[in-house]
Amino acid sequence: MFDLLQQYWTALLPAAVGFAGIYLLLPRLQKPYRLLGAALAGVGLLAAGLFLVGNTAVLPETILFYAFSGLAILGGGLMLAQHNPVHAALSFALVVLSTCGLFLLLAAPFLMAATIIVYAGAIVVTFLFVIMLAQQAGLTSADRRSREPFLACLAGFVLLTALLCVLQKTYDTQEIDALLAKVEDLAQAKSEKEIIQVLGDPMDRAPGKISPPLFEKLEEKVPHFQRGKADLLLIQKPMPVAKLAAFFKELTEDVLRVRNQMGAVRPSADLPLSPFSGFPPNQELPKGKVIRELPARNVAGLGKTLFTDHLLAVELAGTLLLVASIGAIAIAARQREGLR
């Protein structure tokens, strides 16, 4: 238990503080502690950004990404904590608009426009009309049954904590960042002494072992790393410093590509995809090959891809919407007391 806390405390601490804040913000029969809850939720969000994001280059895209992500999380928390359903619907609209900003950063203008038209322009407005025209008096039967939000809040944050721990373990870039820093040092090396300082002295290795430990790690992490060529350059006397520097300069791009792909949602390499997806996105792009531009009728291609490669995900989304619709009908069909 102590090892688990020591390994994942950067994910557990923000989740625990956020749980306390959201729990205090959620509606209950007793008077909620809104100011304290808002303060704890804000501290939890800042702690997550500090511990989980880390220090990255301050680029305009990075600033916009964290701004839209923070607004989406803030809007989701407000949507759950609002007593007035109209205010909750407006908070949901904030979440939708923030998501549209993230779509724009991912160069997906069609998804951005479709999300605004379908969700912000249709579903949210429909929610508002239904809420205002229904004019429900007092708490609904569902609100009377759920007197305390503790169990719902606990279940949600247990799931969130599990996801954060899995993401932290799976997409930790510290090891690949360390490899990238050493490769960059080798690419800028001007003398044999600088190369030995990074790779170690060949005389200190075990008999018969040519490759330094760095090459073994690079072969494990980088698909295009040519370990045999690197070994041949390394054993030459005198050491060809210029050729080694040029080799590692080219390798820097491969390591950087691997580092940037960490955390990306990509299918496995052995998953067969249809030709509608263009060049298979689950395979490495060969060197010298350029991805062709999207066709003019890319919306038709998107539809074909959704209903071929991602048919299961589309059907699951439709099933979830159907279940949600049945639940909404069941709750709305309950007659209020005194009405027949």
C-alpha atoms as a PDB file:
ATOM      1  CA  MET A   1       0.000   0.000   0.000  1.00  0.00           C
ATOM      2  CA  PHE A   2       2.822   2.372   0.867  1.00  0.00           C
ATOM      3  CA  ASP A   3       4.574   1.583  -2.424  1.00  0.00           C
ATOM      4  CA  LEU A   4       1.349   2.331  -4.310  1.00  0.00           C
ATOM      5  CA  LEU A   5       0.981   5.686  -2.585  1.00  0.00           C
ATOM      6  CA  GLN A   6       4.636   6.515  -3.170  1.00  0.00           C
ATOM      7  CA  GLN A   7       4.420   5.660  -6.870  1.00  0.00           C
ATOM      8  CA  TYR A   8       1.116   7.362  -7.689  1.00  0.00           C
ATOM      9  CA  TRP A   9       0.876  10.160  -5.115  1.00  0.00           C
ATOM     10  CA  THR A  10       1.010  12.780  -7.884  1.00  0.00           C
ATOM     11  CA  ALA A  11      -2.265  11.368  -9.238  1.00  0.00           C
ATOM     12  CA  LEU A  12      -3.896  10.425  -5.921  1.00  0.00           C
ATOM     13  CA  LEU A  13      -3.413  13.790  -4.197  1.00  0.00           C
ATOM     14  CA  PRO A  14      -5.167  15.976  -6.839  1.00  0.00           C
ATOM     15  CA  ALA A  15      -7.964  13.405  -7.137  1.00  0.00           C
ATOM     16  CA  ALA A  16      -8.504  13.357  -3.351  1.00  0.00           C
ATOM     17  CA  VAL A  17      -8.586  17.158  -3.092  1.00  0.00           C
ATOM     18  CA  GLY A  18     -10.894  17.379  -6.118  1.00  0.00           C
ATOM     19  CA  PHE A  19     -13.196  14.740  -4.611  1.00  0.00           C
ATOM     20  CA  ALA A  20     -13.538  16.766  -1.414  1.00  0.00           C
ATOM     21  CA  GLY A  21     -14.254  19.949  -3.376  1.00  0.00           C
ATOM     22  CA  ILE A  22     -16.859  18.429  -5.711  1.00  0.00           C
ATOM     23  CA  TYR A  23     -18.551  16.630  -2.806  1.00  0.00           C
ATOM     24  CA  LEU A  24     -18.956  19.905  -0.944  1.00  0.00           C
ATOM     25  CA  LEU A  25     -20.303  21.587  -4.089  1.00  0.00           C
ATOM     26  CA  LEU A  26     -22.924  18.981  -4.987  1.00  0.00           C
ATOM     27  CA  PRO A  27     -26.544  19.689  -3.965  1.00  0.00           C
ATOM     28  CA  ARG A  28     -27.780  18.000  -0.773  1.00  0.00           C
ATOM     29  CA  LEU A  29     -30.542  18.433   1.755  1.00  0.00           C
ATOM     30  CA  GLN A  30     -28.183  20.187   4.160  1.00  0.00           C
ATOM     31  CA  LYS A  31     -26.630  23.525   3.281  1.00  0.00           C
ATOM     32  CA  PRO A  32     -23.618  22.889   1.017  1.00  0.00           C
ATOM     33  CA  TYR A  33     -20.257  24.514   1.746  1.00  0.00           C
ATOM     34  CA  ARG A  34     -19.935  26.160  -1.653  1.00  0.00           C
ATOM     35  CA  LEU A  35     -17.014  28.506  -0.963  1.00  0.00           C
ATOM     36  CA  LEU A  36     -14.896  25.793   0.664  1.00  0.00           C
ATOM     37  CA  GLY A  37     -15.859  23.320  -2.072  1.00  0.00           C
ATOM     38  CA  ALA A  38     -14.940  25.770  -4.841  1.00  0.00           C
ATOM     39  CA  ALA A  39     -11.589  26.486  -3.166  1.00  0.00           C
ATOM     40  CA  LEU A  40     -10.745  22.776  -2.805  1.00  0.00           C
ATOM     41  CA  ALA A  41     -11.817  22.010  -6.385  1.00  0.00           C
ATOM     42  CA  GLY A  42      -9.604  24.826  -7.652  1.00  0.00           C
ATOM     43  CA  VAL A  43      -6.645  23.591  -5.596  1.00  0.00           C
ATOM     44  CA  GLY A  44      -7.178  20.073  -6.935  1.00  0.00           C
ATOM     45  CA  LEU A  45      -7.239  21.322 -10.531  1.00  0.00           C
ATOM     46  CA  LEU A  46      -4.062  23.365 -10.008  1.00  0.00           C
ATOM     47  CA  ALA A  47      -2.340  20.421  -8.305  1.00  0.00           C
ATOM     48  CA  ALA A  48      -3.243  18.161 -11.247  1.00  0.00           C
ATOM     49  CA  GLY A  49      -1.766  20.683 -13.664  1.00  0.00           C
ATOM     50  CA  LEU A  50       1.388  21.055 -11.557  1.00  0.00           C
ATOM     51  CA  PHE A  51       2.060  17.377 -10.802  1.00  0.00           C
ATOM     52  CA  LEU A  52       0.704  15.583 -13.868  1.00  0.00           C
ATOM     53  CA  VAL A  53       1.522  18.041 -16.648  1.00  0.00           C
ATOM     54  CA  GLY A  54       4.983  19.085 -15.514  1.00  0.00           C
ATOM     55  CA  ASN A  55       7.210  21.637 -17.138  1.00  0.00           C
ATOM     56  CA  THR A  56       6.696  21.855 -20.888  1.00  0.00           C
ATOM     57  CA  ALA A  57       7.582  24.410 -23.512  1.00  0.00           C
ATOM     58  CA  VAL A  58       5.262  27.406 -23.375  1.00  0.00           C
ATOM     59  CA  LEU A  59       3.825  27.502 -26.880  1.00  0.00           C
ATOM     60  CA  PRO A  60       0.579  29.164 -28.007  1.00  0.00           C
ATOM     61  CA  GLU A  61      -0.913  25.714 -28.717  1.00  0.00           C
ATOM     62  CA  THR A  62       0.042  24.540 -25.225  1.00  0.00           C
ATOM     63  CA  ILE A  63      -1.543  27.572 -23.574  1.00  0.00           C
ATOM     64  CA  LEU A  64      -4.746  27.163 -25.602  1.00  0.00           C
ATOM     65  CA  PHE A  65      -4.910  23.439 -24.861  1.00  0.00           C
ATOM     66  CA  TYR A  66      -4.721  23.938 -21.107  1.00  0.00           C
ATOM     67  CA  ALA A  67      -7.140  26.882 -21.276  1.00  0.00           C
ATOM     68  CA  PHE A  68      -9.783  24.877 -23.158  1.00  0.00           C
ATOM     69  CA  SER A  69      -9.196  21.803 -20.992  1.00  0.00           C
ATOM     70  CA  GLY A  70      -9.539  23.839 -17.792  1.00  0.00           C
ATOM     71  CA  LEU A  71     -12.756  25.444 -19.026  1.00  0.00           C
ATOM     72  CA  ALA A  72     -14.170  22.031 -19.932  1.00  0.00           C
ATOM     73  CA  ILE A  73     -13.371  20.618 -16.477  1.00  0.00           C
ATOM     74  CA  LEU A  74     -14.740  23.747 -14.792  1.00  0.00           C
ATOM     75  CA  GLY A  75     -17.931  23.591 -16.849  1.00  0.00           C
ATOM     76  CA  GLY A  76     -18.388  19.895 -16.021  1.00  0.00           C
ATOM     77  CA  GLY A  77     -18.056  20.595 -12.297  1.00  0.00           C
ATOM     78  CA  LEU A  78     -20.503  23.493 -12.477  1.00  0.00           C
ATOM     79  CA  MET A  79     -22.971  21.354 -14.426  1.00  0.00           C
ATOM     80  CA  LEU A  80     -23.041  18.804 -11.586  1.00  0.00           C
ATOM     81  CA  ALA A  81     -23.147  21.369  -8.774  1.00  0.00           C
ATOM     82  CA  GLN A  82     -25.980  23.594 -10.043  1.00  0.00           C
ATOM     83  CA  HIS A  83     -29.405  23.516  -8.340  1.00  0.00           C
ATOM     84  CA  ASN A  84     -31.094  25.258 -11.256  1.00  0.00           C
ATOM     85  CA  PRO A  85     -31.369  22.941 -14.301  1.00  0.00           C
ATOM     86  CA  VAL A  86     -31.199  25.940 -16.656  1.00  0.00           C
ATOM     87  CA  HIS A  87     -27.820  26.914 -15.206  1.00  0.00           C
ATOM     88  CA  ALA A  88     -26.701  23.268 -15.524  1.00  0.00           C
ATOM     89  CA  ALA A  89     -27.651  23.304 -19.228  1.00  0.00           C
ATOM     90  CA  LEU A  90     -25.663  26.511 -19.753  1.00  0.00           C
ATOM     91  CA  SER A  91     -22.668  24.914 -18.005  1.00  0.00           C
ATOM     92  CA  PHE A  92     -22.996  21.985 -20.373  1.00  0.00           C
ATOM     93  CA  ALA A  93     -22.888  24.448 -23.273  1.00  0.00           C
ATOM     94  CA  LEU A  94     -19.575  25.765 -21.866  1.00  0.00           C
ATOM     95  CA  VAL A  95     -18.210  22.211 -21.875  1.00  0.00           C
ATOM     96  CA  VAL A  96     -19.302  21.755 -25.497  1.00  0.00           C
ATOM     97  CA  LEU A  97     -17.704  25.021 -26.647  1.00  0.00           C
ATOM     98  CA  SER A  98     -14.442  24.176 -24.853  1.00  0.00           C
ATOM     99  CA  THR A  99     -14.421  20.781 -26.538  1.00  0.00           C
ATOM    100  CA  CYS A 100     -14.853  22.537 -29.887  1.00  0.00           C
ATOM    101  CA  GLY A 101     -11.727  24.544 -29.133  1.00  0.00           C
ATOM    102  CA  LEU A 102      -9.818  21.305 -28.527  1.00  0.00           C
ATOM    103  CA  PHE A 103     -11.086  19.963 -31.862  1.00  0.00           C
ATOM    104  CA  LEU A 104      -9.723  23.052 -33.587  1.00  0.00           C
ATOM    105  CA  LEU A 105      -6.315  22.507 -31.991  1.00  0.00           C
ATOM    106  CA  LEU A 106      -6.390  18.958 -33.399  1.00  0.00           C
ATOM    107  CA  ALA A 107      -7.060  20.340 -36.913  1.00  0.00           C
ATOM    108  CA  ALA A 108     -10.576  18.862 -36.984  1.00  0.00           C
ATOM    109  CA  PRO A 109     -12.810  21.730 -38.168  1.00  0.00           C
ATOM    110  CA  PHE A 110     -15.614  19.410 -39.266  1.00  0.00           C
ATOM    111  CA  LEU A 111     -15.931  17.891 -35.779  1.00  0.00           C
ATOM    112  CA  MET A 112     -15.839  21.393 -34.295  1.00  0.00           C
ATOM    113  CA  ALA A 113     -18.625  22.679 -36.543  1.00  0.00           C
ATOM    114  CA  ALA A 114     -20.715  19.517 -36.130  1.00  0.00           C
ATOM    115  CA  THR A 115     -20.380  19.681 -32.339  1.00  0.00           C
ATOM    116  CA  ILE A 116     -21.505  23.307 -32.226  1.00  0.00           C
ATOM    117  CA  ILE A 117     -24.433  22.697 -34.578  1.00  0.00           C
ATOM    118  CA  VAL A 118     -25.622  19.428 -33.043  1.00  0.00           C
ATOM    119  CA  TYR A 119     -24.915  19.961 -29.342  1.00  0.00           C
ATOM    120  CA  ALA A 120     -24.673  23.677 -28.582  1.00  0.00           C
ATOM    121  CA  GLY A 121     -27.145  24.652 -31.304  1.00  0.00           C
ATOM    122  CA  ALA A 122     -29.704  21.881 -30.996  1.00  0.00           C
ATOM    123  CA  ILE A 123     -29.490  19.621 -27.953  1.00  0.00           C
ATOM    124  CA  VAL A 124     -28.702  22.306 -25.355  1.00  0.00           C
ATOM    125  CA  VAL A 125     -31.393  24.604 -26.730  1.00  0.00           C
ATOM    126  CA  THR A 126     -33.859  21.694 -26.662  1.00  0.00           C
ATOM    127  CA  PHE A 127     -32.931  21.018 -23.038  1.00  0.00           C
ATOM    128  CA  LEU A 128     -33.597  24.638 -22.155  1.00  0.00           C
ATOM    129  CA  PHE A 129     -36.999  24.671 -23.883  1.00  0.00           C
ATOM    130  CA  VAL A 130     -38.071  21.420 -22.220  1.00  0.00           C
ATOM    131  CA  ILE A 131     -36.917  22.597 -18.797  1.00  0.00           C
ATOM    132  CA  MET A 132     -38.650  25.971 -19.092  1.00  0.00           C
ATOM    133  CA  LEU A 133     -41.887  24.574 -20.543  1.00  0.00           C
ATOM    134  CA  ALA A 134     -42.124  21.663 -18.084  1.00  0.00           C
ATOM    135  CA  GLN A 135     -42.180  24.042 -15.083  1.00  0.00           C
ATOM    136  CA  GLN A 136     -41.665  21.297 -12.524  1.00  0.00           C
ATOM    137  CA  ALA A 137     -42.491  22.337  -8.965  1.00  0.00           C
ATOM    138  CA  GLY A 138     -40.093  21.241  -6.227  1.00  0.00           C
ATOM    139  CA  LEU A 139     -37.741  18.280  -6.224  1.00  0.00           C
ATOM    140  CA  THR A 140     -38.329  15.332  -8.518  1.00  0.00           C
ATOM    141  CA  SER A 141     -38.662  11.803  -7.180  1.00  0.00           C
ATOM    142  CA  ALA A 142     -35.133  11.069  -8.376  1.00  0.00           C
ATOM    143  CA  ASP A 143     -33.794  14.002  -6.335  1.00  0.00           C
ATOM    144  CA  ARG A 144     -35.702  12.816  -3.260  1.00  0.00           C
ATOM    145  CA  ARG A 145     -34.168   9.359  -3.493  1.00  0.00           C
ATOM    146  CA  SER A 146     -30.610  10.654  -3.907  1.00  0.00           C
ATOM    147  CA  ARG A 147     -30.360  12.593  -0.653  1.00  0.00           C
ATOM    148  CA  GLU A 148     -26.561  12.514  -0.365  1.00  0.00           C
ATOM    149  CA  PRO A 149     -24.144  12.577  -3.307  1.00  0.00           C
ATOM    150  CA  PHE A 150     -21.317  10.831  -1.437  1.00  0.00           C
ATOM    151  CA  LEU A 151     -21.513   7.434  -3.159  1.00  0.00           C
ATOM    152  CA  ALA A 152     -21.897   8.926  -6.661  1.00  0.00           C
ATOM    153  CA  CYS A 153     -19.012  11.341  -6.080  1.00  0.00           C
ATOM    154  CA  LEU A 154     -16.838   8.577  -4.602  1.00  0.00           C
ATOM    155  CA  ALA A 155     -17.499   6.228  -7.538  1.00  0.00           C
ATOM    156  CA  GLY A 156     -16.711   8.958 -10.073  1.00  0.00           C
ATOM    157  CA  PHE A 157     -13.403   9.913  -8.456  1.00  0.00           C
ATOM    158  CA  VAL A 158     -12.348   6.287  -7.955  1.00  0.00           C
ATOM    159  CA  LEU A 159     -12.739   5.850 -11.717  1.00  0.00           C
ATOM    160  CA  LEU A 160     -10.897   9.142 -12.358  1.00  0.00           C
ATOM    161  CA  THR A 161      -8.030   8.149 -10.049  1.00  0.00           C
ATOM    162  CA  ALA A 162      -7.700   4.760 -11.761  1.00  0.00           C
ATOM    163  CA  LEU A 163      -7.563   6.451 -15.169  1.00  0.00           C
ATOM    164  CA  LEU A 164      -4.929   8.950 -13.967  1.00  0.00           C
ATOM    165  CA  CYS A 165      -2.753   6.179 -12.529  1.00  0.00           C
ATOM    166  CA  VAL A 166      -2.992   4.124 -15.742  1.00  0.00           C
ATOM    167  CA  LEU A 167      -2.176   7.154 -17.882  1.00  0.00           C
ATOM    168  CA  GLN A 168       0.748   8.103 -15.671  1.00  0.00           C
ATOM    169  CA  LYS A 169       2.177   4.573 -15.853  1.00  0.00           C
ATOM    170  CA  THR A 170       1.541   4.108 -19.577  1.00  0.00           C
ATOM    171  CA  TYR A 171       2.457   7.529 -20.940  1.00  0.00           C
ATOM    172  CA  ASP A 172       5.317   8.526 -18.654  1.00  0.00           C
ATOM    173  CA  THR A 173       7.837  10.349 -20.880  1.00  0.00           C
ATOM    174  CA  GLN A 174      10.670  10.675 -18.358  1.00  0.00           C
ATOM    175  CA  GLU A 175      12.661   7.740 -19.780  1.00  0.00           C
ATOM    176  CA  ILE A 176      12.280   8.799 -23.411  1.00  0.00           C
ATOM    177  CA  ASP A 177      13.115  12.402 -22.439  1.00  0.00           C
ATOM    178  CA  ALA A 178      16.354  11.214 -20.843  1.00  0.00           C
ATOM    179  CA  LEU A 179      17.221   9.255 -24.006  1.00  0.00           C
ATOM    180  CA  LEU A 180      16.423  12.275 -26.169  1.00  0.00           C
ATOM    181  CA  ALA A 181      18.721  14.497 -24.097  1.00  0.00           C
ATOM    182  CA  LYS A 182      21.631  12.037 -24.490  1.00  0.00           C
ATOM    183  CA  VAL A 183      21.051  11.668 -28.234  1.00  0.00           C
ATOM    184  CA  GLU A 184      21.041  15.460 -28.613  1.00  0.00           C
ATOM    185  CA  ASP A 185      24.320  15.658 -26.693  1.00  0.00           C
ATOM    186  CA  LEU A 186      25.836  13.070 -29.034  1.00  0.00           C
ATOM    187  CA  ALA A 187      24.557  14.955 -32.077  1.00  0.00           C
ATOM    188  CA  GLN A 188      26.370  18.082 -30.863  1.00  0.00           C
ATOM    189  CA  ALA A 189      29.589  16.280 -29.907  1.00  0.00           C
ATOM    190  CA  LYS A 190      32.781  17.777 -31.323  1.00  0.00           C
ATOM    191  CA  SER A 191      35.371  15.363 -29.944  1.00  0.00           C
ATOM    192  CA  GLU A 192      35.841  11.728 -28.990  1.00  0.00           C
ATOM    193  CA  LYS A 193      35.987  12.722 -25.330  1.00  0.00           C
ATOM    194  CA  GLU A 194      32.456  14.135 -25.446  1.00  0.00           C
ATOM    195  CA  ILE A 195      31.126  10.932 -27.036  1.00  0.00           C
ATOM    196  CA  ILE A 196      32.812   8.749 -24.406  1.00  0.00           C
ATOM    197  CA  GLN A 197      31.396  11.012 -21.687  1.00  0.00           C
ATOM    198  CA  VAL A 198      27.852  10.121 -22.818  1.00  0.00           C
ATOM    199  CA  LEU A 199      28.290   6.503 -23.954  1.00  0.00           C
ATOM    200  CA  GLY A 200      30.961   5.474 -21.483  1.00  0.00           C
ATOM    201  CA  ASP A 201      34.464   4.136 -22.033  1.00  0.00           C
ATOM    202  CA  PRO A 202      34.517   0.988 -24.257  1.00  0.00           C
ATOM    203  CA  MET A 203      37.341  -0.422 -22.082  1.00  0.00           C
ATOM    204  CA  ASP A 204      34.988  -0.540 -19.081  1.00  0.00           C
ATOM    205  CA  ARG A 205      32.471  -2.877 -20.777  1.00  0.00           C
ATOM    206  CA  ALA A 206      32.335  -6.636 -20.392  1.00  0.00           C
ATOM    207  CA  PRO A 207      34.446  -8.721 -22.806  1.00  0.00           C
ATOM    208  CA  GLY A 208      32.690  -9.261 -26.145  1.00  0.00           C
ATOM    209  CA  LYS A 209      30.115  -6.554 -25.467  1.00  0.00           C
ATOM    210  CA  ILE A 210      30.292  -3.753 -28.031  1.00  0.00           C
ATOM    211  CA  SER A 211      27.071  -1.817 -27.571  1.00  0.00           C
ATOM    212  CA  PRO A 212      26.753   0.596 -24.662  1.00  0.00           C
ATOM    213  CA  PRO A 213      23.592   0.456 -22.484  1.00  0.00           C
ATOM    214  CA  LEU A 214      22.234   3.523 -24.301  1.00  0.00           C
ATOM    215  CA  PHE A 215      22.057   1.599 -27.597  1.00  0.00           C
ATOM    216  CA  GLU A 216      20.063  -1.207 -25.968  1.00  0.00           C
ATOM    217  CA  LYS A 217      17.503   1.250 -24.635  1.00  0.00           C
ATOM    218  CA  LEU A 218      17.297   3.045 -27.978  1.00  0.00           C
ATOM    219  CA  GLU A 219      16.709  -0.247 -29.790  1.00  0.00           C
ATOM    220  CA  GLU A 220      13.868  -0.991 -27.385  1.00  0.00           C
ATOM    221  CA  LYS A 221      12.182   2.410 -27.663  1.00  0.00           C
ATOM    222  CA  VAL A 222      12.921   3.618 -31.216  1.00  0.00           C
ATOM    223  CA  PRO A 223      11.780   1.390 -34.128  1.00  0.00           C
ATOM    224  CA  HIS A 224      14.132   2.918 -36.737  1.00  0.00           C
ATOM    225  CA  PHE A 225      17.297   2.793 -34.633  1.00  0.00           C
ATOM    226  CA  GLN A 226      20.101   1.027 -36.569  1.00  0.00           C
ATOM    227  CA  ARG A 227      22.089  -0.529 -33.771  1.00  0.00           C
ATOM    228  CA  GLY A 228      24.471  -2.405 -36.081  1.00  0.00           C
ATOM    229  CA  LYS A 229      25.489   0.752 -37.927  1.00  0.00           C
ATOM    230  CA  ALA A 230      26.037   2.589 -34.634  1.00  0.00           C
ATOM    231  CA  ASP A 231      28.223  -0.256 -33.331  1.00  0.00           C
ATOM    232  CA  LEU A 232      30.349  -0.236 -36.487  1.00  0.00           C
ATOM    233  CA  LEU A 233      30.947   3.489 -36.194  1.00  0.00           C
ATOM    234  CA  LEU A 234      31.761   3.190 -32.511  1.00  0.00           C
ATOM    235  CA  ILE A 235      34.459   0.504 -32.840  1.00  0.00           C
ATOM    236  CA  GLN A 236      36.414   2.305 -35.565  1.00  0.00           C
ATOM    237  CA  LYS A 237      39.838   3.678 -34.639  1.00  0.00           C
ATOM    238  CA  PRO A 238      40.129   6.600 -34.644  1.00  0.00           C
ATOM    239  CA  MET A 239      36.486   7.223 -33.802  1.00  0.00           C
ATOM    240  CA  PRO A 240      34.699   9.065 -36.674  1.00  0.00           C
ATOM    241  CA  VAL A 241      33.266  11.893 -34.602  1.00  0.00           C
ATOM    242  CA  ALA A 242      31.681  13.717 -37.551  1.00  0.00           C
ATOM    243  CA  LYS A 243      29.899  10.606 -38.835  1.00  0.00           C
ATOM    244  CA  LEU A 244      28.674   9.726 -35.342  1.00  0.00           C
ATOM    245  CA  ALA A 245      27.374  13.255 -34.815  1.00  0.00           C
ATOM    246  CA  ALA A 246      25.528  13.162 -38.167  1.00  0.00           C
ATOM    247  CA  PHE A 247      24.095   9.725 -37.331  1.00  0.00           C
ATOM    248  CA  PHE A 248      22.752  10.866 -33.961  1.00  0.00           C
ATOM    249  CA  LYS A 249      21.466  14.122 -35.430  1.00  0.00           C
ATOM    250  CA  GLU A 250      19.288  12.091 -37.794  1.00  0.00           C
ATOM    251  CA  LEU A 251      18.333   9.791 -34.925  1.00  0.00           C
ATOM    252  CA  THR A 252      17.137  12.797 -32.901  1.00  0.00           C
ATOM    253  CA  GLU A 253      14.159  13.209 -35.242  1.00  0.00           C
ATOM    254  CA  ASP A 254      13.164   9.551 -34.780  1.00  0.00           C
ATOM    255  CA  VAL A 255      13.361   9.783 -30.976  1.00  0.00           C
ATOM    256  CA  LEU A 256      11.405  13.035 -31.001  1.00  0.00           C
ATOM    257  CA  ARG A 257       8.726  11.425 -33.195  1.00  0.00           C
ATOM    258  CA  VAL A 258       8.387   8.530 -30.739  1.00  0.00           C
ATOM    259  CA  ARG A 259       8.174  10.972 -27.829  1.00  0.00           C
ATOM    260  CA  ASN A 260       5.434  13.019 -29.517  1.00  0.00           C
ATOM    261  CA  GLN A 261       3.408   9.896 -30.316  1.00  0.00           C
ATOM    262  CA  MET A 262       3.270   8.812 -26.677  1.00  0.00           C
ATOM    263  CA  GLY A 263      -0.262   9.271 -25.383  1.00  0.00           C
ATOM    264  CA  ALA A 264      -1.779   9.380 -28.863  1.00  0.00           C
ATOM    265  CA  VAL A 265      -4.807   7.168 -29.477  1.00  0.00           C
ATOM    266  CA  ARG A 266      -3.574   4.830 -32.192  1.00  0.00           C
ATOM    267  CA  PRO A 267      -4.819   1.340 -33.112  1.00  0.00           C
ATOM    268  CA  SER A 268      -2.397  -1.544 -32.739  1.00  0.00           C
ATOM    269  CA  ALA A 269      -0.073  -2.201 -35.660  1.00  0.00           C
ATOM    270  CA  ASP A 270      -1.623  -5.612 -36.442  1.00  0.00           C
ATOM    271  CA  LEU A 271      -5.204  -4.278 -36.658  1.00  0.00           C
ATOM    272  CA  PRO A 272      -6.431  -4.379 -40.284  1.00  0.00           C
ATOM    273  CA  LEU A 273      -7.996  -1.133 -41.455  1.00  0.00           C
ATOM    274  CA  SER A 274     -10.028  -0.342 -44.532  1.00  0.00           C
ATOM    275  CA  PRO A 275      -8.652   1.783 -47.416  1.00  0.00           C
ATOM    276  CA  PHE A 276     -11.122   4.522 -46.433  1.00  0.00           C
ATOM    277  CA  SER A 277      -8.724   5.542 -43.645  1.00  0.00           C
ATOM    278  CA  GLY A 278      -6.027   6.483 -46.166  1.00  0.00           C
ATOM    279  CA  PHE A 279      -2.517   5.522 -45.075  1.00  0.00           C
ATOM    280  CA  PRO A 280      -2.908   3.148 -42.093  1.00  0.00           C
ATOM    281  CA  PRO A 281      -2.660   5.359 -38.995  1.00  0.00           C
ATOM    282  CA  ASN A 282      -1.463   2.412 -36.911  1.00  0.00           C
ATOM    283  CA  GLN A 283       1.781   1.960 -38.859  1.00  0.00           C
ATOM    284  CA  GLU A 284       4.967   3.977 -39.007  1.00  0.00           C
ATOM    285  CA  LEU A 285       5.192   6.262 -42.030  1.00  0.00           C
ATOM    286  CA  PRO A 286       8.149   5.189 -44.219  1.00  0.00           C
ATOM    287  CA  LYS A 287      10.929   7.711 -44.526  1.00  0.00           C
ATOM    288  CA  GLY A 288      10.538   9.947 -47.527  1.00  0.00           C
ATOM    289  CA  LYS A 289       6.809   9.228 -47.854  1.00  0.00           C
ATOM    290  CA  VAL A 290       4.461  12.174 -47.442  1.00  0.00           C
ATOM    291  CA  ILE A 291       0.846  11.731 -46.385  1.00  0.00           C
ATOM    292  CA  ARG A 292      -1.390  12.895 -49.194  1.00  0.00           C
ATOM    293  CA  GLU A 293      -3.769  15.747 -48.531  1.00  0.00           C
ATOM    294  CA  LEU A 294      -7.353  15.052 -47.567  1.00  0.00           C
ATOM    295  CA  PRO A 295      -9.707  14.742 -50.535  1.00  0.00           C
ATOM    296  CA  ALA A 296     -12.263  17.426 -51.230  1.00  0.00           C
ATOM    297  CA  ARG A 297     -15.057  15.083 -50.124  1.00  0.00           C
ATOM    298  CA  ASN A 298     -13.422  14.277 -46.805  1.00  0.00           C
ATOM    299  CA  VAL A 299     -16.790  14.253 -44.999  1.00  0.00           C
ATOM    300  CA  ALA A 300     -17.860  11.247 -47.090  1.00  0.00           C
ATOM    301  CA  GLY A 301     -14.540   9.584 -46.291  1.00  0.00           C
ATOM    302  CA  LEU A 302     -15.082  10.290 -42.597  1.00  0.00           C
ATOM    303  CA  GLY A 303     -18.497   8.628 -42.747  1.00  0.00           C
ATOM    304  CA  LYS A 304     -17.096   5.560 -44.501  1.00  0.00           C
ATOM    305  CA  THR A 305     -14.322   5.292 -41.923  1.00  0.00           C
ATOM    306  CA  LEU A 306     -16.749   5.557 -39.007  1.00  0.00           C
ATOM    307  CA  PHE A 307     -18.959   2.785 -40.341  1.00  0.00           C
ATOM    308  CA  THR A 308     -16.096   0.445 -41.306  1.00  0.00           C
ATOM    309  CA  ASP A 309     -13.096   0.771 -38.972  1.00  0.00           C
ATOM    310  CA  HIS A 310     -15.006   2.235 -36.004  1.00  0.00           C
ATOM    311  CA  LEU A 311     -18.420   0.579 -36.363  1.00  0.00           C
ATOM    312  CA  LEU A 312     -18.332  -0.910 -32.845  1.00  0.00           C
ATOM    313  CA  ALA A 313     -17.651   2.468 -31.234  1.00  0.00           C
ATOM    314  CA  VAL A 314     -20.516   4.066 -33.194  1.00  0.00           C
ATOM    315  CA  GLU A 315     -22.926   1.290 -32.179  1.00  0.00           C
ATOM    316  CA  LEU A 316     -21.874   1.569 -28.516  1.00  0.00           C
ATOM    317  CA  ALA A 317     -22.464   5.329 -28.596  1.00  0.00           C
ATOM    318  CA  GLY A 318     -25.912   4.770 -30.097  1.00  0.00           C
ATOM    319  CA  THR A 319     -26.726   2.189 -27.402  1.00  0.00           C
ATOM    320  CA  LEU A 320     -25.686   4.602 -24.639  1.00  0.00           C
ATOM    321  CA  LEU A 321     -27.888   7.325 -26.121  1.00  0.00           C
ATOM    322  CA  LEU A 322     -30.810   4.880 -26.312  1.00  0.00           C
ATOM    323  CA  VAL A 323     -30.398   3.873 -22.657  1.00  0.00           C
ATOM    324  CA  ALA A 324     -30.154   7.543 -21.648  1.00  0.00           C
ATOM    325  CA  SER A 325     -33.330   8.335 -23.603  1.00  0.00           C
ATOM    326  CA  ILE A 326     -35.220   5.481 -21.911  1.00  0.00           C
ATOM    327  CA  GLY A 327     -34.059   6.700 -18.505  1.00  0.00           C
ATOM    328  CA  ALA A 328     -35.144  10.271 -19.282  1.00  0.00           C
ATOM    329  CA  ILE A 329     -38.569   9.062 -20.407  1.00  0.00           C
ATOM    330  CA  ALA A 330     -38.954   6.939 -17.261  1.00  0.00           C
ATOM    331  CA  ILE A 331     -38.096   9.889 -14.992  1.00  0.00           C
ATOM    332  CA  ALA A 332     -40.225  12.411 -16.906  1.00  0.00           C
ATOM    333  CA  ALA A 333     -43.238  10.058 -16.992  1.00  0.00           C
ATOM    334  CA  ARG A 334     -43.595  10.022 -13.192  1.00  0.00           C
ATOM    335  CA  GLN A 335     -46.673  11.991 -12.244  1.00  0.00           C
ATOM    336  CA  ARG A 336     -46.481  14.490  -9.469  1.00  0.00           C
ATOM    337  CA  GLU A 337     -48.477  13.907  -6.330  1.00  0.00           C
ATOM    338  CA  GLY A 338     -52.041  15.167  -6.582  1.00  0.00           C
ATOM    339  CA  LEU A 339     -52.193  14.871 -10.399  1.00  0.00           C
ATOM    340  CA  ARG A 340     -54.171  12.138 -12.162  1.00  0.00           C
END
